[in-house]
Amino acid sequence: MYSSVFLFISGAEIFFIMFIVVMVFGADKIPGIAKGLGKGMRQLKDATEDIKQEIQKSAEKQGIDTDFTKDIKNEINKVKENVDEVTGVIKRK
């Protein structure tokens, strides 16, 4: 009884949207549109990474302690390892 739902859109709605896209742009334009969307998403990801690095560099120059983020990441990794140990035992049985 489970249906495929992606971002609260059912399979029929996705099919309908794809049909409209093909009707509006034509089948030959869709790869170019997808390529453009992919490039845009990549540029956005690169820009956010650059901003994050600039903030971190600025914080380090001003002497702000950024080690607490490393401590948090280490603690999260420890919790993940503990969960994996417990679920590994459960999955094997």
PDB file of N, CA and C in Angstrom:
ATOM      1  N   MET A   1       0.817  -1.186   0.000  1.00  0.00           N
ATOM      2  CA  MET A   1       0.000   0.000   0.000  1.00  0.00           C
ATOM      3  C   MET A   1       0.866   1.257   0.000  1.00  0.00           C
ATOM      4  N   TYR A   2       2.190   1.087  -0.011  1.00  0.00           N
ATOM      5  CA  TYR A   2       3.058   2.258  -0.039  1.00  0.00           C
ATOM      6  C   TYR A   2       3.228   2.713  -1.481  1.00  0.00           C
ATOM      7  N   SER A   3       3.087   4.018  -1.701  1.00  0.00           N
ATOM      8  CA  SER A   3       3.292   4.554  -3.034  1.00  0.00           C
ATOM      9  C   SER A   3       4.566   5.376  -3.055  1.00  0.00           C
ATOM     10  N   SER A   4       5.106   5.515  -4.222  1.00  0.00           N
ATOM     11  CA  SER A   4       6.329   6.295  -4.369  1.00  0.00           C
ATOM     12  C   SER A   4       5.992   7.778  -4.245  1.00  0.00           C
ATOM     13  N   VAL A   5       6.545   8.416  -3.211  1.00  0.00           N
ATOM     14  CA  VAL A   5       6.290   9.833  -2.997  1.00  0.00           C
ATOM     15  C   VAL A   5       7.628  10.540  -2.877  1.00  0.00           C
ATOM     16  N   PHE A   6       7.845  11.521  -3.727  1.00  0.00           N
ATOM     17  CA  PHE A   6       9.066  12.310  -3.704  1.00  0.00           C
ATOM     18  C   PHE A   6       8.663  13.763  -3.565  1.00  0.00           C
ATOM     19  N   LEU A   7       9.021  14.343  -2.414  1.00  0.00           N
ATOM     20  CA  LEU A   7       8.666  15.727  -2.125  1.00  0.00           C
ATOM     21  C   LEU A   7       7.151  15.937  -2.194  1.00  0.00           C
ATOM     22  N   PHE A   8       6.415  15.005  -1.672  1.00  0.00           N
ATOM     23  CA  PHE A   8       4.961  15.054  -1.601  1.00  0.00           C
ATOM     24  C   PHE A   8       4.312  15.082  -2.981  1.00  0.00           C
ATOM     25  N   ILE A   9       4.998  14.529  -3.976  1.00  0.00           N
ATOM     26  CA  ILE A   9       4.450  14.442  -5.329  1.00  0.00           C
ATOM     27  C   ILE A   9       4.348  12.964  -5.676  1.00  0.00           C
ATOM     28  N   SER A  10       3.166  12.552  -6.125  1.00  0.00           N
ATOM     29  CA  SER A  10       2.976  11.148  -6.460  1.00  0.00           C
ATOM     30  C   SER A  10       3.537  10.850  -7.850  1.00  0.00           C
ATOM     31  N   GLY A  11       3.570   9.583  -8.181  1.00  0.00           N
ATOM     32  CA  GLY A  11       4.089   9.156  -9.478  1.00  0.00           C
ATOM     33  C   GLY A  11       3.282   9.713 -10.638  1.00  0.00           C
ATOM     34  N   ALA A  12       1.958   9.759 -10.496  1.00  0.00           N
ATOM     35  CA  ALA A  12       1.109  10.291 -11.557  1.00  0.00           C
ATOM     36  C   ALA A  12       1.378  11.777 -11.773  1.00  0.00           C
ATOM     37  N   GLU A  13       1.597  12.512 -10.703  1.00  0.00           N
ATOM     38  CA  GLU A  13       1.878  13.948 -10.828  1.00  0.00           C
ATOM     39  C   GLU A  13       3.227  14.180 -11.496  1.00  0.00           C
ATOM     40  N   ILE A  14       4.221  13.362 -11.160  1.00  0.00           N
ATOM     41  CA  ILE A  14       5.537  13.473 -11.799  1.00  0.00           C
ATOM     42  C   ILE A  14       5.410  13.184 -13.294  1.00  0.00           C
ATOM     43  N   PHE A  15       4.661  12.144 -13.638  1.00  0.00           N
ATOM     44  CA  PHE A  15       4.444  11.794 -15.041  1.00  0.00           C
ATOM     45  C   PHE A  15       3.767  12.949 -15.778  1.00  0.00           C
ATOM     46  N   PHE A  16       2.773  13.556 -15.162  1.00  0.00           N
ATOM     47  CA  PHE A  16       2.052  14.672 -15.779  1.00  0.00           C
ATOM     48  C   PHE A  16       2.980  15.865 -15.988  1.00  0.00           C
ATOM     49  N   ILE A  17       3.817  16.167 -15.007  1.00  0.00           N
ATOM     50  CA  ILE A  17       4.761  17.277 -15.129  1.00  0.00           C
ATOM     51  C   ILE A  17       5.754  17.000 -16.251  1.00  0.00           C
ATOM     52  N   MET A  18       6.264  15.773 -16.314  1.00  0.00           N
ATOM     53  CA  MET A  18       7.210  15.419 -17.383  1.00  0.00           C
ATOM     54  C   MET A  18       6.534  15.526 -18.754  1.00  0.00           C
ATOM     55  N   PHE A  19       5.276  15.120 -18.852  1.00  0.00           N
ATOM     56  CA  PHE A  19       4.528  15.218 -20.103  1.00  0.00           C
ATOM     57  C   PHE A  19       4.411  16.676 -20.542  1.00  0.00           C
ATOM     58  N   ILE A  20       4.080  17.552 -19.608  1.00  0.00           N
ATOM     59  CA  ILE A  20       3.957  18.978 -19.917  1.00  0.00           C
ATOM     60  C   ILE A  20       5.307  19.549 -20.360  1.00  0.00           C
ATOM     61  N   VAL A  21       6.392  19.157 -19.677  1.00  0.00           N
ATOM     62  CA  VAL A  21       7.732  19.633 -20.034  1.00  0.00           C
ATOM     63  C   VAL A  21       8.082  19.208 -21.458  1.00  0.00           C
ATOM     64  N   VAL A  22       7.782  17.962 -21.797  1.00  0.00           N
ATOM     65  CA  VAL A  22       8.075  17.476 -23.152  1.00  0.00           C
ATOM     66  C   VAL A  22       7.233  18.229 -24.171  1.00  0.00           C
ATOM     67  N   MET A  23       5.985  18.495 -23.849  1.00  0.00           N
ATOM     68  CA  MET A  23       5.106  19.213 -24.775  1.00  0.00           C
ATOM     69  C   MET A  23       5.565  20.666 -24.973  1.00  0.00           C
ATOM     70  N   VAL A  24       6.026  21.309 -23.917  1.00  0.00           N
ATOM     71  CA  VAL A  24       6.418  22.712 -24.008  1.00  0.00           C
ATOM     72  C   VAL A  24       7.779  22.870 -24.670  1.00  0.00           C
ATOM     73  N   PHE A  25       8.767  22.106 -24.231  1.00  0.00           N
ATOM     74  CA  PHE A  25      10.136  22.298 -24.711  1.00  0.00           C
ATOM     75  C   PHE A  25      10.524  21.355 -25.843  1.00  0.00           C
ATOM     76  N   GLY A  26       9.886  20.231 -25.953  1.00  0.00           N
ATOM     77  CA  GLY A  26      10.256  19.249 -26.958  1.00  0.00           C
ATOM     78  C   GLY A  26      11.316  18.310 -26.417  1.00  0.00           C
ATOM     79  N   ALA A  27      11.320  17.101 -26.916  1.00  0.00           N
ATOM     80  CA  ALA A  27      12.207  16.065 -26.399  1.00  0.00           C
ATOM     81  C   ALA A  27      13.679  16.381 -26.673  1.00  0.00           C
ATOM     82  N   ASP A  28      13.963  17.108 -27.744  1.00  0.00           N
ATOM     83  CA  ASP A  28      15.352  17.392 -28.079  1.00  0.00           C
ATOM     84  C   ASP A  28      15.964  18.474 -27.188  1.00  0.00           C
ATOM     85  N   LYS A  29      15.162  19.291 -26.516  1.00  0.00           N
ATOM     86  CA  LYS A  29      15.680  20.364 -25.662  1.00  0.00           C
ATOM     87  C   LYS A  29      15.892  19.920 -24.214  1.00  0.00           C
ATOM     88  N   ILE A  30      15.297  18.837 -23.803  1.00  0.00           N
ATOM     89  CA  ILE A  30      15.348  18.410 -22.404  1.00  0.00           C
ATOM     90  C   ILE A  30      16.773  18.121 -21.931  1.00  0.00           C
ATOM     91  N   PRO A  31      17.629  17.430 -22.692  1.00  0.00           N
ATOM     92  CA  PRO A  31      19.006  17.219 -22.210  1.00  0.00           C
ATOM     93  C   PRO A  31      19.764  18.526 -21.968  1.00  0.00           C
ATOM     94  N   GLY A  32      19.558  19.513 -22.830  1.00  0.00           N
ATOM     95  CA  GLY A  32      20.212  20.809 -22.644  1.00  0.00           C
ATOM     96  C   GLY A  32      19.723  21.522 -21.395  1.00  0.00           C
ATOM     97  N   ILE A  33      18.436  21.426 -21.137  1.00  0.00           N
ATOM     98  CA  ILE A  33      17.862  22.026 -19.928  1.00  0.00           C
ATOM     99  C   ILE A  33      18.412  21.340 -18.691  1.00  0.00           C
ATOM    100  N   ALA A  34      18.480  20.005 -18.732  1.00  0.00           N
ATOM    101  CA  ALA A  34      19.014  19.259 -17.589  1.00  0.00           C
ATOM    102  C   ALA A  34      20.486  19.607 -17.367  1.00  0.00           C
ATOM    103  N   LYS A  35      21.245  19.767 -18.437  1.00  0.00           N
ATOM    104  CA  LYS A  35      22.655  20.134 -18.320  1.00  0.00           C
ATOM    105  C   LYS A  35      22.796  21.515 -17.690  1.00  0.00           C
ATOM    106  N   GLY A  36      21.960  22.447 -18.116  1.00  0.00           N
ATOM    107  CA  GLY A  36      21.982  23.795 -17.546  1.00  0.00           C
ATOM    108  C   GLY A  36      21.617  23.801 -16.076  1.00  0.00           C
ATOM    109  N   LEU A  37      20.616  22.998 -15.702  1.00  0.00           N
ATOM    110  CA  LEU A  37      20.237  22.891 -14.290  1.00  0.00           C
ATOM    111  C   LEU A  37      21.368  22.288 -13.472  1.00  0.00           C
ATOM    112  N   GLY A  38      22.020  21.282 -14.021  1.00  0.00           N
ATOM    113  CA  GLY A  38      23.147  20.657 -13.327  1.00  0.00           C
ATOM    114  C   GLY A  38      24.292  21.642 -13.115  1.00  0.00           C
ATOM    115  N   LYS A  39      24.597  22.431 -14.143  1.00  0.00           N
ATOM    116  CA  LYS A  39      25.652  23.440 -14.017  1.00  0.00           C
ATOM    117  C   LYS A  39      25.285  24.468 -12.951  1.00  0.00           C
ATOM    118  N   GLY A  40      24.037  24.888 -12.963  1.00  0.00           N
ATOM    119  CA  GLY A  40      23.588  25.876 -11.977  1.00  0.00           C
ATOM    120  C   GLY A  40      23.685  25.354 -10.561  1.00  0.00           C
ATOM    121  N   MET A  41      23.289  24.106 -10.375  1.00  0.00           N
ATOM    122  CA  MET A  41      23.364  23.507  -9.042  1.00  0.00           C
ATOM    123  C   MET A  41      24.821  23.378  -8.602  1.00  0.00           C
ATOM    124  N   ARG A  42      25.703  23.023  -9.525  1.00  0.00           N
ATOM    125  CA  ARG A  42      27.132  22.892  -9.201  1.00  0.00           C
ATOM    126  C   ARG A  42      27.735  24.245  -8.814  1.00  0.00           C
ATOM    127  N   GLN A  43      27.366  25.287  -9.549  1.00  0.00           N
ATOM    128  CA  GLN A  43      27.863  26.624  -9.233  1.00  0.00           C
ATOM    129  C   GLN A  43      27.367  27.078  -7.871  1.00  0.00           C
ATOM    130  N   LEU A  44      26.121  26.763  -7.552  1.00  0.00           N
ATOM    131  CA  LEU A  44      25.568  27.123  -6.251  1.00  0.00           C
ATOM    132  C   LEU A  44      26.309  26.397  -5.138  1.00  0.00           C
ATOM    133  N   LYS A  45      26.583  25.111  -5.345  1.00  0.00           N
ATOM    134  CA  LYS A  45      27.319  24.338  -4.344  1.00  0.00           C
ATOM    135  C   LYS A  45      28.731  24.889  -4.165  1.00  0.00           C
ATOM    136  N   ASP A  46      29.396  25.211  -5.274  1.00  0.00           N
ATOM    137  CA  ASP A  46      30.749  25.775  -5.189  1.00  0.00           C
ATOM    138  C   ASP A  46      30.746  27.116  -4.475  1.00  0.00           C
ATOM    139  N   ALA A  47      29.751  27.941  -4.763  1.00  0.00           N
ATOM    140  CA  ALA A  47      29.670  29.256  -4.132  1.00  0.00           C
ATOM    141  C   ALA A  47      29.459  29.125  -2.628  1.00  0.00           C
ATOM    142  N   THR A  48      28.594  28.217  -2.204  1.00  0.00           N
ATOM    143  CA  THR A  48      28.370  28.039  -0.765  1.00  0.00           C
ATOM    144  C   THR A  48      29.619  27.498  -0.085  1.00  0.00           C
ATOM    145  N   GLU A  49      30.351  26.631  -0.776  1.00  0.00           N
ATOM    146  CA  GLU A  49      31.600  26.106  -0.210  1.00  0.00           C
ATOM    147  C   GLU A  49      32.631  27.218  -0.072  1.00  0.00           C
ATOM    148  N   ASP A  50      32.711  28.093  -1.080  1.00  0.00           N
ATOM    149  CA  ASP A  50      33.640  29.226  -1.013  1.00  0.00           C
ATOM    150  C   ASP A  50      33.291  30.155   0.139  1.00  0.00           C
ATOM    151  N   ILE A  51      32.017  30.426   0.320  1.00  0.00           N
ATOM    152  CA  ILE A  51      31.580  31.293   1.416  1.00  0.00           C
ATOM    153  C   ILE A  51      31.926  30.666   2.760  1.00  0.00           C
ATOM    154  N   LYS A  52      31.693  29.380   2.869  1.00  0.00           N
ATOM    155  CA  LYS A  52      32.007  28.682   4.115  1.00  0.00           C
ATOM    156  C   LYS A  52      33.498  28.753   4.417  1.00  0.00           C
ATOM    157  N   GLN A  53      34.330  28.569   3.399  1.00  0.00           N
ATOM    158  CA  GLN A  53      35.776  28.636   3.596  1.00  0.00           C
ATOM    159  C   GLN A  53      36.218  30.043   3.976  1.00  0.00           C
ATOM    160  N   GLU A  54      35.619  31.054   3.376  1.00  0.00           N
ATOM    161  CA  GLU A  54      35.975  32.436   3.698  1.00  0.00           C
ATOM    162  C   GLU A  54      35.605  32.766   5.143  1.00  0.00           C
ATOM    163  N   ILE A  55      34.453  32.296   5.584  1.00  0.00           N
ATOM    164  CA  ILE A  55      34.037  32.532   6.971  1.00  0.00           C
ATOM    165  C   ILE A  55      35.003  31.847   7.927  1.00  0.00           C
ATOM    166  N   GLN A  56      35.390  30.628   7.594  1.00  0.00           N
ATOM    167  CA  GLN A  56      36.314  29.897   8.462  1.00  0.00           C
ATOM    168  C   GLN A  56      37.682  30.567   8.496  1.00  0.00           C
ATOM    169  N   LYS A  57      38.172  31.023   7.339  1.00  0.00           N
ATOM    170  CA  LYS A  57      39.464  31.727   7.306  1.00  0.00           C
ATOM    171  C   LYS A  57      39.406  33.015   8.118  1.00  0.00           C
ATOM    172  N   SER A  58      38.302  33.734   7.977  1.00  0.00           N
ATOM    173  CA  SER A  58      38.137  34.985   8.715  1.00  0.00           C
ATOM    174  C   SER A  58      38.106  34.725  10.217  1.00  0.00           C
ATOM    175  N   ALA A  59      37.424  33.676  10.613  1.00  0.00           N
ATOM    176  CA  ALA A  59      37.348  33.330  12.034  1.00  0.00           C
ATOM    177  C   ALA A  59      38.724  32.945  12.567  1.00  0.00           C
ATOM    178  N   GLU A  60      39.494  32.214  11.777  1.00  0.00           N
ATOM    179  CA  GLU A  60      40.838  31.818  12.206  1.00  0.00           C
ATOM    180  C   GLU A  60      41.766  33.032  12.307  1.00  0.00           C
ATOM    181  N   LYS A  61      41.632  33.983  11.384  1.00  0.00           N
ATOM    182  CA  LYS A  61      42.463  35.187  11.417  1.00  0.00           C
ATOM    183  C   LYS A  61      42.165  36.028  12.655  1.00  0.00           C
ATOM    184  N   GLN A  62      40.899  36.036  13.072  1.00  0.00           N
ATOM    185  CA  GLN A  62      40.509  36.842  14.226  1.00  0.00           C
ATOM    186  C   GLN A  62      40.726  36.101  15.529  1.00  0.00           C
ATOM    187  N   GLY A  63      41.209  34.894  15.436  1.00  0.00           N
ATOM    188  CA  GLY A  63      41.507  34.130  16.637  1.00  0.00           C
ATOM    189  C   GLY A  63      40.297  33.460  17.261  1.00  0.00           C
ATOM    190  N   ILE A  64      39.222  33.341  16.516  1.00  0.00           N
ATOM    191  CA  ILE A  64      38.025  32.676  17.024  1.00  0.00           C
ATOM    192  C   ILE A  64      38.262  31.175  16.981  1.00  0.00           C
ATOM    193  N   ASP A  65      37.947  30.509  18.065  1.00  0.00           N
ATOM    194  CA  ASP A  65      38.182  29.069  18.183  1.00  0.00           C
ATOM    195  C   ASP A  65      37.136  28.313  17.368  1.00  0.00           C
ATOM    196  N   THR A  66      37.582  27.601  16.349  1.00  0.00           N
ATOM    197  CA  THR A  66      36.679  26.792  15.532  1.00  0.00           C
ATOM    198  C   THR A  66      36.856  25.307  15.831  1.00  0.00           C
ATOM    199  N   ASP A  67      37.636  24.985  16.850  1.00  0.00           N
ATOM    200  CA  ASP A  67      37.862  23.583  17.195  1.00  0.00           C
ATOM    201  C   ASP A  67      36.613  22.911  17.742  1.00  0.00           C
ATOM    202  N   PHE A  68      35.666  23.707  18.254  1.00  0.00           N
ATOM    203  CA  PHE A  68      34.458  23.099  18.800  1.00  0.00           C
ATOM    204  C   PHE A  68      33.676  22.357  17.713  1.00  0.00           C
ATOM    205  N   THR A  69      33.761  22.812  16.454  1.00  0.00           N
ATOM    206  CA  THR A  69      33.068  22.095  15.383  1.00  0.00           C
ATOM    207  C   THR A  69      33.714  20.736  15.145  1.00  0.00           C
ATOM    208  N   LYS A  70      35.038  20.682  15.267  1.00  0.00           N
ATOM    209  CA  LYS A  70      35.727  19.399  15.108  1.00  0.00           C
ATOM    210  C   LYS A  70      35.357  18.455  16.244  1.00  0.00           C
ATOM    211  N   ASP A  71      35.231  19.009  17.459  1.00  0.00           N
ATOM    212  CA  ASP A  71      34.825  18.188  18.600  1.00  0.00           C
ATOM    213  C   ASP A  71      33.418  17.633  18.396  1.00  0.00           C
ATOM    214  N   ILE A  72      32.533  18.468  17.893  1.00  0.00           N
ATOM    215  CA  ILE A  72      31.155  18.022  17.644  1.00  0.00           C
ATOM    216  C   ILE A  72      31.153  16.925  16.592  1.00  0.00           C
ATOM    217  N   LYS A  73      31.920  17.105  15.512  1.00  0.00           N
ATOM    218  CA  LYS A  73      31.982  16.081  14.464  1.00  0.00           C
ATOM    219  C   LYS A  73      32.536  14.768  15.012  1.00  0.00           C
ATOM    220  N   ASN A  74      33.545  14.858  15.872  1.00  0.00           N
ATOM    221  CA  ASN A  74      34.105  13.645  16.470  1.00  0.00           C
ATOM    222  C   ASN A  74      33.069  12.929  17.328  1.00  0.00           C
ATOM    223  N   GLU A  75      32.317  13.689  18.119  1.00  0.00           N
ATOM    224  CA  GLU A  75      31.280  13.081  18.953  1.00  0.00           C
ATOM    225  C   GLU A  75      30.193  12.437  18.099  1.00  0.00           C
ATOM    226  N   ILE A  76      29.814  13.102  17.018  1.00  0.00           N
ATOM    227  CA  ILE A  76      28.797  12.538  16.120  1.00  0.00           C
ATOM    228  C   ILE A  76      29.311  11.242  15.506  1.00  0.00           C
ATOM    229  N   ASN A  77      30.567  11.221  15.102  1.00  0.00           N
ATOM    230  CA  ASN A  77      31.141  10.001  14.527  1.00  0.00           C
ATOM    231  C   ASN A  77      31.180   8.864  15.544  1.00  0.00           C
ATOM    232  N   LYS A  78      31.477   9.188  16.815  1.00  0.00           N
ATOM    233  CA  LYS A  78      31.459   8.157  17.859  1.00  0.00           C
ATOM    234  C   LYS A  78      30.066   7.577  18.031  1.00  0.00           C
ATOM    235  N   VAL A  79      29.055   8.456  18.018  1.00  0.00           N
ATOM    236  CA  VAL A  79      27.669   7.987  18.154  1.00  0.00           C
ATOM    237  C   VAL A  79      27.301   7.114  16.966  1.00  0.00           C
ATOM    238  N   LYS A  80      27.711   7.516  15.752  1.00  0.00           N
ATOM    239  CA  LYS A  80      27.423   6.716  14.562  1.00  0.00           C
ATOM    240  C   LYS A  80      28.059   5.331  14.675  1.00  0.00           C
ATOM    241  N   GLU A  81      29.296   5.287  15.157  1.00  0.00           N
ATOM    242  CA  GLU A  81      29.978   4.004  15.303  1.00  0.00           C
ATOM    243  C   GLU A  81      29.247   3.119  16.313  1.00  0.00           C
ATOM    244  N   ASN A  82      28.804   3.709  17.428  1.00  0.00           N
ATOM    245  CA  ASN A  82      28.062   2.939  18.425  1.00  0.00           C
ATOM    246  C   ASN A  82      26.754   2.413  17.856  1.00  0.00           C
ATOM    247  N   VAL A  83      26.063   3.238  17.093  1.00  0.00           N
ATOM    248  CA  VAL A  83      24.804   2.804  16.481  1.00  0.00           C
ATOM    249  C   VAL A  83      25.074   1.691  15.483  1.00  0.00           C
ATOM    250  N   ASP A  84      26.134   1.828  14.696  1.00  0.00           N
ATOM    251  CA  ASP A  84      26.473   0.784  13.732  1.00  0.00           C
ATOM    252  C   ASP A  84      26.800  -0.533  14.420  1.00  0.00           C
ATOM    253  N   GLU A  85      27.481  -0.468  15.569  1.00  0.00           N
ATOM    254  CA  GLU A  85      27.786  -1.687  16.311  1.00  0.00           C
ATOM    255  C   GLU A  85      26.509  -2.374  16.779  1.00  0.00           C
ATOM    256  N   VAL A  86      25.571  -1.587  17.280  1.00  0.00           N
ATOM    257  CA  VAL A  86      24.316  -2.162  17.787  1.00  0.00           C
ATOM    258  C   VAL A  86      23.472  -2.688  16.638  1.00  0.00           C
ATOM    259  N   THR A  87      23.327  -1.898  15.577  1.00  0.00           N
ATOM    260  CA  THR A  87      22.486  -2.344  14.464  1.00  0.00           C
ATOM    261  C   THR A  87      23.130  -3.482  13.694  1.00  0.00           C
ATOM    262  N   GLY A  88      24.466  -3.548  13.719  1.00  0.00           N
ATOM    263  CA  GLY A  88      25.141  -4.661  13.048  1.00  0.00           C
ATOM    264  C   GLY A  88      24.771  -5.986  13.695  1.00  0.00           C
ATOM    265  N   VAL A  89      24.685  -6.006  15.019  1.00  0.00           N
ATOM    266  CA  VAL A  89      24.281  -7.206  15.735  1.00  0.00           C
ATOM    267  C   VAL A  89      22.835  -7.559  15.414  1.00  0.00           C
ATOM    268  N   ILE A  90      21.993  -6.556  15.332  1.00  0.00           N
ATOM    269  CA  ILE A  90      20.576  -6.785  15.047  1.00  0.00           C
ATOM    270  C   ILE A  90      20.402  -7.276  13.615  1.00  0.00           C
ATOM    271  N   LYS A  91      21.126  -6.700  12.669  1.00  0.00           N
ATOM    272  CA  LYS A  91      20.988  -7.080  11.257  1.00  0.00           C
ATOM    273  C   LYS A  91      21.454  -8.502  11.023  1.00  0.00           C
ATOM    274  N   ARG A  92      22.464  -8.952  11.756  1.00  0.00           N
ATOM    275  CA  ARG A  92      22.975 -10.306  11.551  1.00  0.00           C
ATOM    276  C   ARG A  92      22.000 -11.371  12.007  1.00  0.00           C
ATOM    277  N   LYS A  93      21.185 -11.050  12.981  1.00  0.00           N
ATOM    278  CA  LYS A  93      20.246 -12.052  13.491  1.00  0.00           C
ATOM    279  C   LYS A  93      19.045 -12.059  12.648  1.00  0.00           C
TER     280      LYS A  93
END
